[in-house]
Amino acid sequence: MAEIKVDTVKMRECGNDIMRISNEIGNEFDNLFNRLINMPTKTFEWTGMAAKSYASKMKTEKSEYIQLKNNLYNYGKYLVDCANNLDGKISNLRNN
């Protein structure tokens, strides 16, 4: 009989860490991009047409970074879900 070893506790822990860190990085992305986008209109750290063009480009790029954050979060959630699923299946096998 084949033996499969899986550490669902560690798997769940890693998944939760990935979700927590992805939320933290999402907040950092928001802060960074809000600052960059607001330079020409609110903080006036950089003004002019080049600044407006740059801010416009940052609005577009922000969505790509948020998508990265969401993908990381979903991967962490997937690990947690898989750990829970495996624990359930293992429990069923032990009870049969």
PDB file of N, CA and C in Angstrom:
ATOM      1  N   MET A   1       0.843  -1.175   0.000  1.00  0.00           N
ATOM      2  CA  MET A   1       0.000   0.000   0.000  1.00  0.00           C
ATOM      3  C   MET A   1       0.893   1.244   0.000  1.00  0.00           C
ATOM      4  N   ALA A   2       0.504   2.199  -0.789  1.00  0.00           N
ATOM      5  CA  ALA A   2       1.260   3.452  -0.873  1.00  0.00           C
ATOM      6  C   ALA A   2       1.002   4.308   0.356  1.00  0.00           C
ATOM      7  N   GLU A   3       2.026   5.013   0.757  1.00  0.00           N
ATOM      8  CA  GLU A   3       1.894   5.908   1.902  1.00  0.00           C
ATOM      9  C   GLU A   3       2.124   7.338   1.417  1.00  0.00           C
ATOM     10  N   ILE A   4       1.189   8.201   1.738  1.00  0.00           N
ATOM     11  CA  ILE A   4       1.287   9.612   1.362  1.00  0.00           C
ATOM     12  C   ILE A   4       1.354  10.433   2.640  1.00  0.00           C
ATOM     13  N   LYS A   5       2.368  11.272   2.727  1.00  0.00           N
ATOM     14  CA  LYS A   5       2.511  12.127   3.903  1.00  0.00           C
ATOM     15  C   LYS A   5       2.211  13.562   3.502  1.00  0.00           C
ATOM     16  N   VAL A   6       1.371  14.204   4.288  1.00  0.00           N
ATOM     17  CA  VAL A   6       1.030  15.605   4.029  1.00  0.00           C
ATOM     18  C   VAL A   6       0.875  16.310   5.374  1.00  0.00           C
ATOM     19  N   ASP A   7       1.482  17.479   5.474  1.00  0.00           N
ATOM     20  CA  ASP A   7       1.402  18.272   6.707  1.00  0.00           C
ATOM     21  C   ASP A   7       0.354  19.364   6.488  1.00  0.00           C
ATOM     22  N   THR A   8      -0.892  19.032   6.798  1.00  0.00           N
ATOM     23  CA  THR A   8      -1.979  19.986   6.562  1.00  0.00           C
ATOM     24  C   THR A   8      -1.915  21.173   7.502  1.00  0.00           C
ATOM     25  N   VAL A   9      -1.321  21.000   8.664  1.00  0.00           N
ATOM     26  CA  VAL A   9      -1.171  22.129   9.599  1.00  0.00           C
ATOM     27  C   VAL A   9      -0.245  23.171   8.989  1.00  0.00           C
ATOM     28  N   LYS A  10       0.891  22.699   8.474  1.00  0.00           N
ATOM     29  CA  LYS A  10       1.855  23.614   7.837  1.00  0.00           C
ATOM     30  C   LYS A  10       1.261  24.222   6.569  1.00  0.00           C
ATOM     31  N   MET A  11       0.541  23.421   5.822  1.00  0.00           N
ATOM     32  CA  MET A  11      -0.101  23.882   4.594  1.00  0.00           C
ATOM     33  C   MET A  11      -1.093  25.016   4.899  1.00  0.00           C
ATOM     34  N   ARG A  12      -1.896  24.817   5.921  1.00  0.00           N
ATOM     35  CA  ARG A  12      -2.880  25.824   6.335  1.00  0.00           C
ATOM     36  C   ARG A  12      -2.178  27.081   6.855  1.00  0.00           C
ATOM     37  N   GLU A  13      -1.125  26.876   7.628  1.00  0.00           N
ATOM     38  CA  GLU A  13      -0.354  27.998   8.170  1.00  0.00           C
ATOM     39  C   GLU A  13       0.249  28.837   7.046  1.00  0.00           C
ATOM     40  N   CYS A  14       0.829  28.177   6.058  1.00  0.00           N
ATOM     41  CA  CYS A  14       1.419  28.898   4.923  1.00  0.00           C
ATOM     42  C   CYS A  14       0.343  29.642   4.136  1.00  0.00           C
ATOM     43  N   GLY A  15      -0.787  29.006   3.924  1.00  0.00           N
ATOM     44  CA  GLY A  15      -1.888  29.653   3.213  1.00  0.00           C
ATOM     45  C   GLY A  15      -2.369  30.898   3.941  1.00  0.00           C
ATOM     46  N   ASN A  16      -2.529  30.786   5.261  1.00  0.00           N
ATOM     47  CA  ASN A  16      -2.953  31.946   6.049  1.00  0.00           C
ATOM     48  C   ASN A  16      -1.914  33.055   6.014  1.00  0.00           C
ATOM     49  N   ASP A  17      -0.627  32.680   6.048  1.00  0.00           N
ATOM     50  CA  ASP A  17       0.447  33.685   5.952  1.00  0.00           C
ATOM     51  C   ASP A  17       0.403  34.406   4.604  1.00  0.00           C
ATOM     52  N   ILE A  18       0.202  33.650   3.542  1.00  0.00           N
ATOM     53  CA  ILE A  18       0.137  34.250   2.206  1.00  0.00           C
ATOM     54  C   ILE A  18      -1.039  35.213   2.112  1.00  0.00           C
ATOM     55  N   MET A  19      -2.191  34.825   2.652  1.00  0.00           N
ATOM     56  CA  MET A  19      -3.362  35.711   2.616  1.00  0.00           C
ATOM     57  C   MET A  19      -3.110  36.983   3.431  1.00  0.00           C
ATOM     58  N   ARG A  20      -2.510  36.837   4.616  1.00  0.00           N
ATOM     59  CA  ARG A  20      -2.239  38.000   5.461  1.00  0.00           C
ATOM     60  C   ARG A  20      -1.256  38.955   4.779  1.00  0.00           C
ATOM     61  N   ILE A  21      -0.178  38.385   4.241  1.00  0.00           N
ATOM     62  CA  ILE A  21       0.841  39.217   3.601  1.00  0.00           C
ATOM     63  C   ILE A  21       0.303  39.863   2.332  1.00  0.00           C
ATOM     64  N   SER A  22      -0.540  39.147   1.590  1.00  0.00           N
ATOM     65  CA  SER A  22      -1.102  39.749   0.378  1.00  0.00           C
ATOM     66  C   SER A  22      -2.007  40.929   0.731  1.00  0.00           C
ATOM     67  N   ASN A  23      -2.731  40.844   1.838  1.00  0.00           N
ATOM     68  CA  ASN A  23      -3.539  41.985   2.279  1.00  0.00           C
ATOM     69  C   ASN A  23      -2.650  43.164   2.681  1.00  0.00           C
ATOM     70  N   GLU A  24      -1.543  42.868   3.359  1.00  0.00           N
ATOM     71  CA  GLU A  24      -0.611  43.926   3.750  1.00  0.00           C
ATOM     72  C   GLU A  24      -0.003  44.593   2.519  1.00  0.00           C
ATOM     73  N   ILE A  25       0.399  43.781   1.556  1.00  0.00           N
ATOM     74  CA  ILE A  25       1.007  44.359   0.350  1.00  0.00           C
ATOM     75  C   ILE A  25      -0.034  45.126  -0.457  1.00  0.00           C
ATOM     76  N   GLY A  26      -1.284  44.683  -0.405  1.00  0.00           N
ATOM     77  CA  GLY A  26      -2.361  45.423  -1.064  1.00  0.00           C
ATOM     78  C   GLY A  26      -2.514  46.815  -0.479  1.00  0.00           C
ATOM     79  N   ASN A  27      -2.410  46.928   0.846  1.00  0.00           N
ATOM     80  CA  ASN A  27      -2.464  48.245   1.488  1.00  0.00           C
ATOM     81  C   ASN A  27      -1.284  49.113   1.072  1.00  0.00           C
ATOM     82  N   GLU A  28      -0.105  48.502   0.973  1.00  0.00           N
ATOM     83  CA  GLU A  28       1.082  49.249   0.536  1.00  0.00           C
ATOM     84  C   GLU A  28       0.925  49.714  -0.913  1.00  0.00           C
ATOM     85  N   PHE A  29       0.394  48.840  -1.764  1.00  0.00           N
ATOM     86  CA  PHE A  29       0.135  49.235  -3.157  1.00  0.00           C
ATOM     87  C   PHE A  29      -0.827  50.418  -3.213  1.00  0.00           C
ATOM     88  N   ASP A  30      -1.898  50.342  -2.428  1.00  0.00           N
ATOM     89  CA  ASP A  30      -2.869  51.439  -2.407  1.00  0.00           C
ATOM     90  C   ASP A  30      -2.211  52.754  -1.998  1.00  0.00           C
ATOM     91  N   ASN A  31      -1.431  52.711  -0.926  1.00  0.00           N
ATOM     92  CA  ASN A  31      -0.761  53.926  -0.457  1.00  0.00           C
ATOM     93  C   ASN A  31       0.196  54.484  -1.501  1.00  0.00           C
ATOM     94  N   LEU A  32       0.984  53.603  -2.103  1.00  0.00           N
ATOM     95  CA  LEU A  32       1.959  54.033  -3.104  1.00  0.00           C
ATOM     96  C   LEU A  32       1.272  54.650  -4.312  1.00  0.00           C
ATOM     97  N   PHE A  33       0.315  53.929  -4.859  1.00  0.00           N
ATOM     98  CA  PHE A  33      -0.321  54.425  -6.074  1.00  0.00           C
ATOM     99  C   PHE A  33      -1.169  55.659  -5.821  1.00  0.00           C
ATOM    100  N   ASN A  34      -1.814  55.735  -4.666  1.00  0.00           N
ATOM    101  CA  ASN A  34      -2.568  56.958  -4.358  1.00  0.00           C
ATOM    102  C   ASN A  34      -1.635  58.160  -4.290  1.00  0.00           C
ATOM    103  N   ARG A  35      -0.470  57.962  -3.715  1.00  0.00           N
ATOM    104  CA  ARG A  35       0.492  59.071  -3.649  1.00  0.00           C
ATOM    105  C   ARG A  35       0.958  59.461  -5.055  1.00  0.00           C
ATOM    106  N   LEU A  36       1.276  58.474  -5.879  1.00  0.00           N
ATOM    107  CA  LEU A  36       1.743  58.764  -7.236  1.00  0.00           C
ATOM    108  C   LEU A  36       0.657  59.430  -8.068  1.00  0.00           C
ATOM    109  N   ILE A  37      -0.562  58.955  -7.940  1.00  0.00           N
ATOM    110  CA  ILE A  37      -1.671  59.485  -8.731  1.00  0.00           C
ATOM    111  C   ILE A  37      -2.033  60.912  -8.297  1.00  0.00           C
ATOM    112  N   ASN A  38      -1.868  61.211  -7.014  1.00  0.00           N
ATOM    113  CA  ASN A  38      -2.248  62.523  -6.485  1.00  0.00           C
ATOM    114  C   ASN A  38      -1.170  63.595  -6.605  1.00  0.00           C
ATOM    115  N   MET A  39       0.012  63.243  -7.079  1.00  0.00           N
ATOM    116  CA  MET A  39       1.095  64.233  -7.171  1.00  0.00           C
ATOM    117  C   MET A  39       0.717  65.484  -7.965  1.00  0.00           C
ATOM    118  N   PRO A  40       0.153  65.365  -9.151  1.00  0.00           N
ATOM    119  CA  PRO A  40      -0.086  66.585  -9.925  1.00  0.00           C
ATOM    120  C   PRO A  40      -1.341  67.359  -9.534  1.00  0.00           C
ATOM    121  N   THR A  41      -2.240  66.741  -8.758  1.00  0.00           N
ATOM    122  CA  THR A  41      -3.518  67.409  -8.497  1.00  0.00           C
ATOM    123  C   THR A  41      -3.797  67.721  -7.029  1.00  0.00           C
ATOM    124  N   LYS A  42      -3.219  66.954  -6.119  1.00  0.00           N
ATOM    125  CA  LYS A  42      -3.533  67.167  -4.702  1.00  0.00           C
ATOM    126  C   LYS A  42      -2.314  67.569  -3.880  1.00  0.00           C
ATOM    127  N   THR A  43      -1.207  66.870  -4.060  1.00  0.00           N
ATOM    128  CA  THR A  43      -0.024  67.181  -3.253  1.00  0.00           C
ATOM    129  C   THR A  43       0.907  68.168  -3.959  1.00  0.00           C
ATOM    130  N   PHE A  44       0.776  68.285  -5.261  1.00  0.00           N
ATOM    131  CA  PHE A  44       1.562  69.209  -6.101  1.00  0.00           C
ATOM    132  C   PHE A  44       3.073  69.005  -5.944  1.00  0.00           C
ATOM    133  N   GLU A  45       3.477  67.761  -5.691  1.00  0.00           N
ATOM    134  CA  GLU A  45       4.903  67.445  -5.611  1.00  0.00           C
ATOM    135  C   GLU A  45       5.545  67.482  -6.992  1.00  0.00           C
ATOM    136  N   TRP A  46       4.724  67.241  -7.987  1.00  0.00           N
ATOM    137  CA  TRP A  46       5.193  67.291  -9.375  1.00  0.00           C
ATOM    138  C   TRP A  46       3.995  67.746 -10.187  1.00  0.00           C
ATOM    139  N   THR A  47       4.176  68.764 -10.966  1.00  0.00           N
ATOM    140  CA  THR A  47       3.071  69.311 -11.749  1.00  0.00           C
ATOM    141  C   THR A  47       3.451  69.377 -13.213  1.00  0.00           C
ATOM    142  N   GLY A  48       2.481  69.681 -14.035  1.00  0.00           N
ATOM    143  CA  GLY A  48       2.709  69.818 -15.466  1.00  0.00           C
ATOM    144  C   GLY A  48       2.144  68.650 -16.246  1.00  0.00           C
ATOM    145  N   MET A  49       2.309  68.732 -17.547  1.00  0.00           N
ATOM    146  CA  MET A  49       1.759  67.705 -18.435  1.00  0.00           C
ATOM    147  C   MET A  49       2.419  66.345 -18.214  1.00  0.00           C
ATOM    148  N   ALA A  50       3.732  66.329 -17.992  1.00  0.00           N
ATOM    149  CA  ALA A  50       4.428  65.055 -17.773  1.00  0.00           C
ATOM    150  C   ALA A  50       3.912  64.387 -16.500  1.00  0.00           C
ATOM    151  N   ALA A  51       3.675  65.185 -15.472  1.00  0.00           N
ATOM    152  CA  ALA A  51       3.161  64.642 -14.211  1.00  0.00           C
ATOM    153  C   ALA A  51       1.763  64.074 -14.400  1.00  0.00           C
ATOM    154  N   LYS A  52       0.922  64.773 -15.134  1.00  0.00           N
ATOM    155  CA  LYS A  52      -0.432  64.287 -15.394  1.00  0.00           C
ATOM    156  C   LYS A  52      -0.410  63.006 -16.216  1.00  0.00           C
ATOM    157  N   SER A  53       0.482  62.957 -17.187  1.00  0.00           N
ATOM    158  CA  SER A  53       0.615  61.761 -18.007  1.00  0.00           C
ATOM    159  C   SER A  53       1.089  60.572 -17.164  1.00  0.00           C
ATOM    160  N   TYR A  54       2.063  60.843 -16.300  1.00  0.00           N
ATOM    161  CA  TYR A  54       2.572  59.791 -15.424  1.00  0.00           C
ATOM    162  C   TYR A  54       1.481  59.298 -14.475  1.00  0.00           C
ATOM    163  N   ALA A  55       0.733  60.201 -13.884  1.00  0.00           N
ATOM    164  CA  ALA A  55      -0.339  59.832 -12.960  1.00  0.00           C
ATOM    165  C   ALA A  55      -1.398  58.996 -13.671  1.00  0.00           C
ATOM    166  N   SER A  56      -1.680  59.350 -14.908  1.00  0.00           N
ATOM    167  CA  SER A  56      -2.655  58.593 -15.684  1.00  0.00           C
ATOM    168  C   SER A  56      -2.158  57.166 -15.933  1.00  0.00           C
ATOM    169  N   LYS A  57      -0.874  57.047 -16.232  1.00  0.00           N
ATOM    170  CA  LYS A  57      -0.287  55.724 -16.456  1.00  0.00           C
ATOM    171  C   LYS A  57      -0.324  54.903 -15.165  1.00  0.00           C
ATOM    172  N   MET A  58      -0.097  55.553 -14.034  1.00  0.00           N
ATOM    173  CA  MET A  58      -0.122  54.851 -12.745  1.00  0.00           C
ATOM    174  C   MET A  58      -1.518  54.335 -12.416  1.00  0.00           C
ATOM    175  N   LYS A  59      -2.549  55.056 -12.812  1.00  0.00           N
ATOM    176  CA  LYS A  59      -3.919  54.576 -12.595  1.00  0.00           C
ATOM    177  C   LYS A  59      -4.126  53.244 -13.303  1.00  0.00           C
ATOM    178  N   THR A  60      -3.590  53.148 -14.505  1.00  0.00           N
ATOM    179  CA  THR A  60      -3.710  51.910 -15.283  1.00  0.00           C
ATOM    180  C   THR A  60      -2.893  50.787 -14.651  1.00  0.00           C
ATOM    181  N   GLU A  61      -1.661  51.093 -14.246  1.00  0.00           N
ATOM    182  CA  GLU A  61      -0.791  50.069 -13.682  1.00  0.00           C
ATOM    183  C   GLU A  61      -1.261  49.591 -12.317  1.00  0.00           C
ATOM    184  N   LYS A  62      -1.937  50.449 -11.573  1.00  0.00           N
ATOM    185  CA  LYS A  62      -2.411  50.068 -10.241  1.00  0.00           C
ATOM    186  C   LYS A  62      -3.277  48.814 -10.312  1.00  0.00           C
ATOM    187  N   SER A  63      -4.127  48.720 -11.308  1.00  0.00           N
ATOM    188  CA  SER A  63      -5.009  47.558 -11.422  1.00  0.00           C
ATOM    189  C   SER A  63      -4.208  46.265 -11.615  1.00  0.00           C
ATOM    190  N   GLU A  64      -3.062  46.351 -12.286  1.00  0.00           N
ATOM    191  CA  GLU A  64      -2.229  45.166 -12.472  1.00  0.00           C
ATOM    192  C   GLU A  64      -1.635  44.699 -11.137  1.00  0.00           C
ATOM    193  N   TYR A  65      -1.235  45.638 -10.317  1.00  0.00           N
ATOM    194  CA  TYR A  65      -0.683  45.293  -9.014  1.00  0.00           C
ATOM    195  C   TYR A  65      -1.763  44.750  -8.083  1.00  0.00           C
ATOM    196  N   ILE A  66      -2.938  45.313  -8.166  1.00  0.00           N
ATOM    197  CA  ILE A  66      -4.044  44.808  -7.353  1.00  0.00           C
ATOM    198  C   ILE A  66      -4.408  43.391  -7.793  1.00  0.00           C
ATOM    199  N   GLN A  67      -4.324  43.118  -9.086  1.00  0.00           N
ATOM    200  CA  GLN A  67      -4.582  41.767  -9.589  1.00  0.00           C
ATOM    201  C   GLN A  67      -3.540  40.788  -9.055  1.00  0.00           C
ATOM    202  N   LEU A  68      -2.280  41.217  -8.994  1.00  0.00           N
ATOM    203  CA  LEU A  68      -1.228  40.379  -8.413  1.00  0.00           C
ATOM    204  C   LEU A  68      -1.545  40.068  -6.957  1.00  0.00           C
ATOM    205  N   LYS A  69      -1.945  41.076  -6.204  1.00  0.00           N
ATOM    206  CA  LYS A  69      -2.324  40.899  -4.804  1.00  0.00           C
ATOM    207  C   LYS A  69      -3.472  39.912  -4.691  1.00  0.00           C
ATOM    208  N   ASN A  70      -4.476  40.050  -5.546  1.00  0.00           N
ATOM    209  CA  ASN A  70      -5.636  39.148  -5.516  1.00  0.00           C
ATOM    210  C   ASN A  70      -5.238  37.717  -5.868  1.00  0.00           C
ATOM    211  N   ASN A  71      -4.350  37.556  -6.836  1.00  0.00           N
ATOM    212  CA  ASN A  71      -3.887  36.218  -7.213  1.00  0.00           C
ATOM    213  C   ASN A  71      -3.134  35.552  -6.066  1.00  0.00           C
ATOM    214  N   LEU A  72      -2.290  36.322  -5.380  1.00  0.00           N
ATOM    215  CA  LEU A  72      -1.571  35.778  -4.229  1.00  0.00           C
ATOM    216  C   LEU A  72      -2.543  35.370  -3.128  1.00  0.00           C
ATOM    217  N   TYR A  73      -3.517  36.226  -2.854  1.00  0.00           N
ATOM    218  CA  TYR A  73      -4.516  35.922  -1.835  1.00  0.00           C
ATOM    219  C   TYR A  73      -5.272  34.637  -2.184  1.00  0.00           C
ATOM    220  N   ASN A  74      -5.672  34.521  -3.444  1.00  0.00           N
ATOM    221  CA  ASN A  74      -6.420  33.333  -3.885  1.00  0.00           C
ATOM    222  C   ASN A  74      -5.580  32.066  -3.765  1.00  0.00           C
ATOM    223  N   TYR A  75      -4.263  32.178  -3.997  1.00  0.00           N
ATOM    224  CA  TYR A  75      -3.390  31.019  -3.840  1.00  0.00           C
ATOM    225  C   TYR A  75      -3.339  30.601  -2.369  1.00  0.00           C
ATOM    226  N   GLY A  76      -3.220  31.569  -1.471  1.00  0.00           N
ATOM    227  CA  GLY A  76      -3.230  31.258  -0.047  1.00  0.00           C
ATOM    228  C   GLY A  76      -4.534  30.609   0.370  1.00  0.00           C
ATOM    229  N   LYS A  77      -5.648  31.125  -0.135  1.00  0.00           N
ATOM    230  CA  LYS A  77      -6.963  30.558   0.173  1.00  0.00           C
ATOM    231  C   LYS A  77      -7.064  29.135  -0.372  1.00  0.00           C
ATOM    232  N   TYR A  78      -6.506  28.911  -1.550  1.00  0.00           N
ATOM    233  CA  TYR A  78      -6.499  27.577  -2.150  1.00  0.00           C
ATOM    234  C   TYR A  78      -5.751  26.589  -1.248  1.00  0.00           C
ATOM    235  N   LEU A  79      -4.605  27.018  -0.710  1.00  0.00           N
ATOM    236  CA  LEU A  79      -3.842  26.136   0.181  1.00  0.00           C
ATOM    237  C   LEU A  79      -4.641  25.795   1.434  1.00  0.00           C
ATOM    238  N   VAL A  80      -5.306  26.785   2.017  1.00  0.00           N
ATOM    239  CA  VAL A  80      -6.122  26.548   3.206  1.00  0.00           C
ATOM    240  C   VAL A  80      -7.279  25.607   2.876  1.00  0.00           C
ATOM    241  N   ASP A  81      -7.944  25.867   1.767  1.00  0.00           N
ATOM    242  CA  ASP A  81      -9.068  25.007   1.355  1.00  0.00           C
ATOM    243  C   ASP A  81      -8.605  23.568   1.115  1.00  0.00           C
ATOM    244  N   CYS A  82      -7.454  23.404   0.465  1.00  0.00           N
ATOM    245  CA  CYS A  82      -6.928  22.061   0.208  1.00  0.00           C
ATOM    246  C   CYS A  82      -6.578  21.357   1.509  1.00  0.00           C
ATOM    247  N   ALA A  83      -5.976  22.081   2.444  1.00  0.00           N
ATOM    248  CA  ALA A  83      -5.630  21.488   3.745  1.00  0.00           C
ATOM    249  C   ALA A  83      -6.900  21.030   4.460  1.00  0.00           C
ATOM    250  N   ASN A  84      -7.919  21.863   4.438  1.00  0.00           N
ATOM    251  CA  ASN A  84      -9.189  21.486   5.077  1.00  0.00           C
ATOM    252  C   ASN A  84      -9.813  20.275   4.395  1.00  0.00           C
ATOM    253  N   ASN A  85      -9.783  20.263   3.078  1.00  0.00           N
ATOM    254  CA  ASN A  85     -10.332  19.147   2.304  1.00  0.00           C
ATOM    255  C   ASN A  85      -9.582  17.856   2.616  1.00  0.00           C
ATOM    256  N   LEU A  86      -8.246  17.943   2.639  1.00  0.00           N
ATOM    257  CA  LEU A  86      -7.448  16.752   2.940  1.00  0.00           C
ATOM    258  C   LEU A  86      -7.719  16.247   4.351  1.00  0.00           C
ATOM    259  N   ASP A  87      -7.815  17.164   5.308  1.00  0.00           N
ATOM    260  CA  ASP A  87      -8.129  16.746   6.679  1.00  0.00           C
ATOM    261  C   ASP A  87      -9.464  16.015   6.731  1.00  0.00           C
ATOM    262  N   GLY A  88     -10.446  16.506   5.994  1.00  0.00           N
ATOM    263  CA  GLY A  88     -11.750  15.854   5.965  1.00  0.00           C
ATOM    264  C   GLY A  88     -11.670  14.463   5.371  1.00  0.00           C
ATOM    265  N   LYS A  89     -10.946  14.329   4.280  1.00  0.00           N
ATOM    266  CA  LYS A  89     -10.831  13.017   3.627  1.00  0.00           C
ATOM    267  C   LYS A  89     -10.062  12.036   4.500  1.00  0.00           C
ATOM    268  N   ILE A  90      -9.009  12.526   5.144  1.00  0.00           N
ATOM    269  CA  ILE A  90      -8.214  11.663   6.037  1.00  0.00           C
ATOM    270  C   ILE A  90      -9.081  11.195   7.205  1.00  0.00           C
ATOM    271  N   SER A  91      -9.847  12.099   7.748  1.00  0.00           N
ATOM    272  CA  SER A  91     -10.739  11.755   8.866  1.00  0.00           C
ATOM    273  C   SER A  91     -11.746  10.702   8.444  1.00  0.00           C
ATOM    274  N   ASN A  92     -12.322  10.845   7.253  1.00  0.00           N
ATOM    275  CA  ASN A  92     -13.271   9.854   6.740  1.00  0.00           C
ATOM    276  C   ASN A  92     -12.622   8.486   6.555  1.00  0.00           C
ATOM    277  N   LEU A  93     -11.388   8.481   6.042  1.00  0.00           N
ATOM    278  CA  LEU A  93     -10.692   7.209   5.838  1.00  0.00           C
ATOM    279  C   LEU A  93     -10.388   6.530   7.159  1.00  0.00           C
ATOM    280  N   ARG A  94     -10.033   7.318   8.164  1.00  0.00           N
ATOM    281  CA  ARG A  94      -9.721   6.732   9.478  1.00  0.00           C
ATOM    282  C   ARG A  94     -10.973   6.174  10.151  1.00  0.00           C
ATOM    283  N   ASN A  95     -12.105   6.791   9.894  1.00  0.00           N
ATOM    284  CA  ASN A  95     -13.349   6.345  10.527  1.00  0.00           C
ATOM    285  C   ASN A  95     -13.966   5.144   9.824  1.00  0.00           C
ATOM    286  N   ASN A  96     -13.521   4.840   8.620  1.00  0.00           N
ATOM    287  CA  ASN A  96     -14.095   3.697   7.873  1.00  0.00           C
ATOM    288  C   ASN A  96     -13.316   2.439   8.112  1.00  0.00           C
TER     289      ASN A  96
END
